[in-house]
Amino acid sequence: MSNIVRKQNIEDLNNKIIQTIKMWKPIGFGEYIVRFLPPREIDGLFFEEAAQHKVGDNYIFCPRIINNPCLICETRKKLYTVENENVHTLARKIKARKVYLYNIILRVDPAISFCDNRSITVHIYMSGTKLWRTLISYFFNRSFGDLTDVDDGYDFVIVKNKGFNGYPDYTKSEPLEGSRPLADNEKDIQKILSNRYNLKNQIKYKNIHELESLIRNHLKKYDIMFDK
């Protein structure tokens, strides 16, 4: 009878959930401690730049950043030809905005009760331009340098506060004082590095038919006719 399982181990369940989440983001306001991982290639960057349109509740990667035509960008131009400020407001809302993808491991996440600061699970994190600029500034700061250095890098505190009009504000984010190795031993370091994602492959572009349907349905809500 002693071998019969009588309840779920909540810590094991929580760890399993963490392992199945590929894309991570800070859910609520507070402080999140992460470690940004170095690039997979010798001449690569530790981040991948992209751009996203927000069309209704949908976030769409913009192909113009790889020099391909974008139906949503073309639609924005047409909307600005309409002499109506409400239509112009709609055009501004669907403008593509820069985003940046990174490989990270979590040290502390207040939304996850059993997040272990020795975790070796790799996640993808996507930030906006302001946090990226803050992050990059520390790479050129003599007191810090390469935050992603496996041996002498720095953990980073993502501080999510409530900003203007309720939008998230990340301006207080900064590295923790004192460098530390990526993990406690070389075996875990190698496991982390081998599990990094190809960030470029995480950027999925919709085909022209998907975009036509999405933008047409969105404009219908505003009684705007969409022509091919």
Protein backbone atom coordinates (compact mmCIF):
# COMPACT_ATOMS: atom_id res chain seq x y z
CA MET A 1 0.00 0.00 0.00
CA SER A 2 2.91 2.35 0.61
CA ASN A 3 3.62 2.55 -3.14
CA ILE A 4 0.16 3.82 -4.02
CA VAL A 5 0.20 7.48 -5.03
CA ARG A 6 -2.41 9.36 -3.01
CA LYS A 7 -1.90 12.92 -4.27
CA GLN A 8 -0.22 15.03 -6.96
CA ASN A 9 3.17 16.46 -6.11
CA ILE A 10 2.44 20.14 -6.80
CA GLU A 11 6.10 21.04 -7.23
CA ASP A 12 6.52 18.36 -9.91
CA LEU A 13 3.35 19.59 -11.62
CA ASN A 14 4.54 23.19 -11.57
CA ASN A 15 7.95 22.21 -12.97
CA LYS A 16 6.30 20.21 -15.74
CA ILE A 17 4.13 23.21 -16.68
CA ILE A 18 7.23 25.42 -16.79
CA GLN A 19 8.97 22.98 -19.13
CA THR A 20 6.06 22.98 -21.59
CA ILE A 21 5.90 26.78 -21.85
CA LYS A 22 8.19 27.88 -24.68
CA MET A 23 7.26 31.58 -24.84
CA TRP A 24 7.49 33.32 -21.49
CA LYS A 25 6.35 36.77 -20.47
CA PRO A 26 5.93 38.64 -17.18
CA ILE A 27 2.23 38.34 -16.40
CA GLY A 28 1.60 40.75 -13.53
CA PHE A 29 3.40 43.78 -12.17
CA GLY A 30 6.50 43.05 -10.15
CA GLU A 31 10.13 41.95 -10.44
CA TYR A 32 11.24 39.01 -12.56
CA ILE A 33 14.83 37.80 -12.58
CA VAL A 34 16.07 36.17 -15.79
CA ARG A 35 19.35 35.33 -17.47
CA PHE A 36 19.74 36.26 -21.13
CA LEU A 37 21.63 33.58 -23.03
CA PRO A 38 24.45 34.15 -25.54
CA PRO A 39 23.90 33.68 -29.30
CA ARG A 40 23.96 30.22 -30.84
CA GLU A 41 26.45 31.24 -33.54
CA ILE A 42 29.92 32.72 -33.03
CA ASP A 43 29.11 35.79 -35.16
CA GLY A 44 25.45 35.96 -34.11
CA LEU A 45 23.49 38.22 -31.79
CA PHE A 46 21.80 37.15 -28.57
CA PHE A 47 18.48 38.58 -29.82
CA GLU A 48 16.40 38.45 -33.00
CA GLU A 49 14.69 41.59 -34.24
CA ALA A 50 11.16 41.46 -35.66
CA ALA A 51 8.09 43.69 -35.96
CA GLN A 52 4.45 43.03 -35.15
CA HIS A 53 1.11 44.50 -36.16
CA LYS A 54 -1.75 44.40 -33.66
CA VAL A 55 -4.95 43.82 -35.62
CA GLY A 56 -7.79 43.53 -33.13
CA ASP A 57 -6.65 40.84 -30.71
CA ASN A 58 -4.19 39.35 -33.21
CA TYR A 59 -0.46 39.98 -33.28
CA ILE A 60 0.95 39.55 -36.78
CA PHE A 61 4.64 39.50 -37.70
CA CYS A 62 5.41 42.07 -40.37
CA PRO A 63 7.38 40.67 -43.34
CA ARG A 64 8.71 44.10 -44.34
CA ILE A 65 11.50 43.66 -41.81
CA ILE A 66 12.91 40.95 -44.11
CA ASN A 67 12.24 43.12 -47.18
CA ASN A 68 9.05 41.33 -48.24
CA PRO A 69 5.77 43.11 -49.04
CA CYS A 70 3.21 43.40 -46.24
CA LEU A 71 -0.53 43.61 -46.89
CA ILE A 72 -1.18 45.27 -43.54
CA CYS A 73 1.38 48.00 -44.22
CA GLU A 74 -0.20 48.56 -47.65
CA THR A 75 -3.62 48.78 -46.03
CA ARG A 76 -2.35 51.41 -43.56
CA LYS A 77 -1.29 53.62 -46.47
CA LYS A 78 -4.75 53.33 -48.04
CA LEU A 79 -6.42 54.24 -44.74
CA TYR A 80 -4.47 57.49 -44.58
CA THR A 81 -5.95 58.51 -47.95
CA VAL A 82 -9.40 58.60 -46.32
CA GLU A 83 -10.30 62.06 -45.01
CA ASN A 84 -11.48 60.83 -41.62
CA GLU A 85 -9.56 61.16 -38.35
CA ASN A 86 -11.17 58.00 -36.91
CA VAL A 87 -9.83 56.04 -39.86
CA HIS A 88 -6.40 57.58 -39.29
CA THR A 89 -6.58 56.47 -35.65
CA LEU A 90 -7.27 52.94 -36.85
CA ALA A 91 -4.26 53.17 -39.17
CA ARG A 92 -2.04 54.20 -36.27
CA LYS A 93 -3.26 51.26 -34.17
CA ILE A 94 -2.24 48.68 -36.76
CA LYS A 95 1.23 50.14 -37.29
CA ALA A 96 4.03 47.58 -36.97
CA ARG A 97 6.16 47.94 -33.86
CA LYS A 98 9.61 46.50 -33.25
CA VAL A 99 9.94 43.48 -30.96
CA TYR A 100 12.95 41.45 -29.90
CA LEU A 101 13.18 37.75 -29.12
CA TYR A 102 15.70 36.24 -26.69
CA ASN A 103 16.64 32.89 -25.19
CA ILE A 104 16.43 33.09 -21.39
CA ILE A 105 16.28 31.00 -18.27
CA LEU A 106 14.13 32.05 -15.32
CA ARG A 107 15.67 32.74 -11.96
CA VAL A 108 12.64 34.24 -10.18
CA ASP A 109 9.07 34.55 -11.45
CA PRO A 110 6.57 35.64 -8.76
CA ALA A 111 3.75 34.17 -10.88
CA ILE A 112 5.27 30.67 -10.56
CA SER A 113 5.25 29.43 -7.00
CA PHE A 114 8.07 26.93 -7.38
CA CYS A 115 10.37 28.77 -9.77
CA ASP A 116 13.89 27.66 -8.86
CA ASN A 117 16.74 30.12 -9.41
CA ARG A 118 18.84 27.14 -10.51
CA SER A 119 16.41 26.29 -13.32
CA ILE A 120 18.01 25.11 -16.56
CA THR A 121 14.82 25.23 -18.66
CA VAL A 122 15.19 27.54 -21.67
CA HIS A 123 12.35 29.89 -22.60
CA ILE A 124 11.81 32.43 -25.35
CA TYR A 125 11.10 35.97 -24.20
CA MET A 126 9.87 38.78 -26.44
CA SER A 127 10.18 42.43 -25.42
CA GLY A 128 9.46 45.80 -26.93
CA THR A 129 11.95 48.46 -27.95
CA LYS A 130 12.23 50.27 -24.60
CA LEU A 131 13.39 47.24 -22.65
CA TRP A 132 15.72 46.24 -25.50
CA ARG A 133 17.36 49.68 -25.40
CA THR A 134 17.73 49.47 -21.63
CA LEU A 135 19.24 46.01 -21.93
CA ILE A 136 21.67 46.96 -24.70
CA SER A 137 22.89 50.03 -22.78
CA TYR A 138 24.40 47.78 -20.11
CA PHE A 139 26.48 45.89 -22.68
CA PHE A 140 28.38 49.14 -23.28
CA ASN A 141 28.59 50.03 -19.60
CA ARG A 142 32.08 49.39 -18.19
CA SER A 143 30.61 48.16 -14.92
CA PHE A 144 28.80 45.30 -16.65
CA GLY A 145 29.69 44.46 -20.25
CA ASP A 146 28.43 41.21 -21.79
CA LEU A 147 25.46 40.23 -19.62
CA THR A 148 25.20 36.90 -21.46
CA ASP A 149 28.74 35.75 -20.62
CA VAL A 150 28.45 32.14 -19.42
CA ASP A 151 31.16 32.54 -16.77
CA ASP A 152 31.01 36.20 -15.74
CA GLY A 153 27.62 37.46 -16.94
CA TYR A 154 24.80 39.04 -14.97
CA ASP A 155 21.25 38.11 -14.12
CA PHE A 156 18.75 40.76 -15.15
CA VAL A 157 15.78 42.10 -13.19
CA ILE A 158 12.81 42.84 -15.43
CA VAL A 159 10.75 45.34 -13.44
CA LYS A 160 7.20 45.62 -14.73
CA ASN A 161 5.38 48.66 -13.36
CA LYS A 162 2.15 50.37 -14.31
CA GLY A 163 3.00 53.27 -16.59
CA PHE A 164 1.14 56.03 -18.43
CA ASN A 165 -2.49 55.15 -19.25
CA GLY A 166 -2.02 51.76 -17.60
CA TYR A 167 0.55 50.54 -20.12
CA PRO A 168 3.44 48.47 -18.71
CA ASP A 169 6.60 50.38 -17.91
CA TYR A 170 9.98 48.59 -17.86
CA THR A 171 12.31 51.57 -17.36
CA LYS A 172 13.41 50.41 -13.89
CA SER A 173 14.79 47.13 -15.25
CA GLU A 174 18.49 46.56 -14.60
CA PRO A 175 21.14 43.87 -14.01
CA LEU A 176 21.69 42.45 -10.55
CA GLU A 177 24.91 43.55 -8.91
CA GLY A 178 27.63 40.93 -8.97
CA SER A 179 28.35 38.55 -11.82
CA ARG A 180 27.59 34.83 -11.54
CA PRO A 181 28.00 31.75 -13.75
CA LEU A 182 25.08 30.68 -15.90
CA ALA A 183 24.70 27.50 -13.83
CA ASP A 184 26.34 25.73 -10.90
CA ASN A 185 28.23 23.19 -12.99
CA GLU A 186 29.50 22.64 -16.52
CA LYS A 187 27.01 19.85 -17.21
CA ASP A 188 24.04 22.14 -16.60
CA ILE A 189 25.69 24.93 -18.58
CA GLN A 190 26.08 22.66 -21.59
CA LYS A 191 22.48 21.48 -21.27
CA ILE A 192 21.19 25.05 -21.22
CA LEU A 193 23.28 26.09 -24.22
CA SER A 194 22.28 23.02 -26.24
CA ASN A 195 18.58 23.77 -25.61
CA ARG A 196 18.62 27.31 -26.98
CA TYR A 197 16.02 27.95 -29.67
CA ASN A 198 16.70 29.18 -33.16
CA LEU A 199 14.99 32.52 -32.65
CA LYS A 200 14.62 33.26 -36.34
CA ASN A 201 12.52 30.09 -36.70
CA GLN A 202 10.09 31.35 -34.05
CA ILE A 203 8.96 34.21 -36.29
CA LYS A 204 6.10 32.80 -38.33
CA TYR A 205 4.66 34.85 -41.20
CA LYS A 206 1.07 34.43 -42.35
CA ASN A 207 0.36 33.87 -46.02
CA ILE A 208 -1.45 36.41 -48.18
CA HIS A 209 -4.81 34.64 -47.93
CA GLU A 210 -4.71 34.60 -44.13
CA LEU A 211 -3.81 38.29 -44.07
CA GLU A 212 -6.56 39.23 -46.53
CA SER A 213 -9.19 37.48 -44.41
CA LEU A 214 -7.90 38.96 -41.16
CA ILE A 215 -7.66 42.56 -42.33
CA ARG A 216 -10.96 42.41 -44.22
CA ASN A 217 -12.84 41.17 -41.14
CA HIS A 218 -11.16 43.78 -38.98
CA LEU A 219 -12.06 46.68 -41.27
CA LYS A 220 -15.67 45.48 -41.54
CA LYS A 221 -16.10 46.31 -37.86
CA TYR A 222 -15.49 49.93 -38.80
CA ASP A 223 -17.63 49.83 -41.95
CA ILE A 224 -14.55 50.23 -44.12
CA MET A 225 -14.51 48.39 -47.44
CA PHE A 226 -11.27 46.68 -48.28
CA ASP A 227 -10.16 46.36 -51.89
CA LYS A 228 -7.44 43.99 -53.02
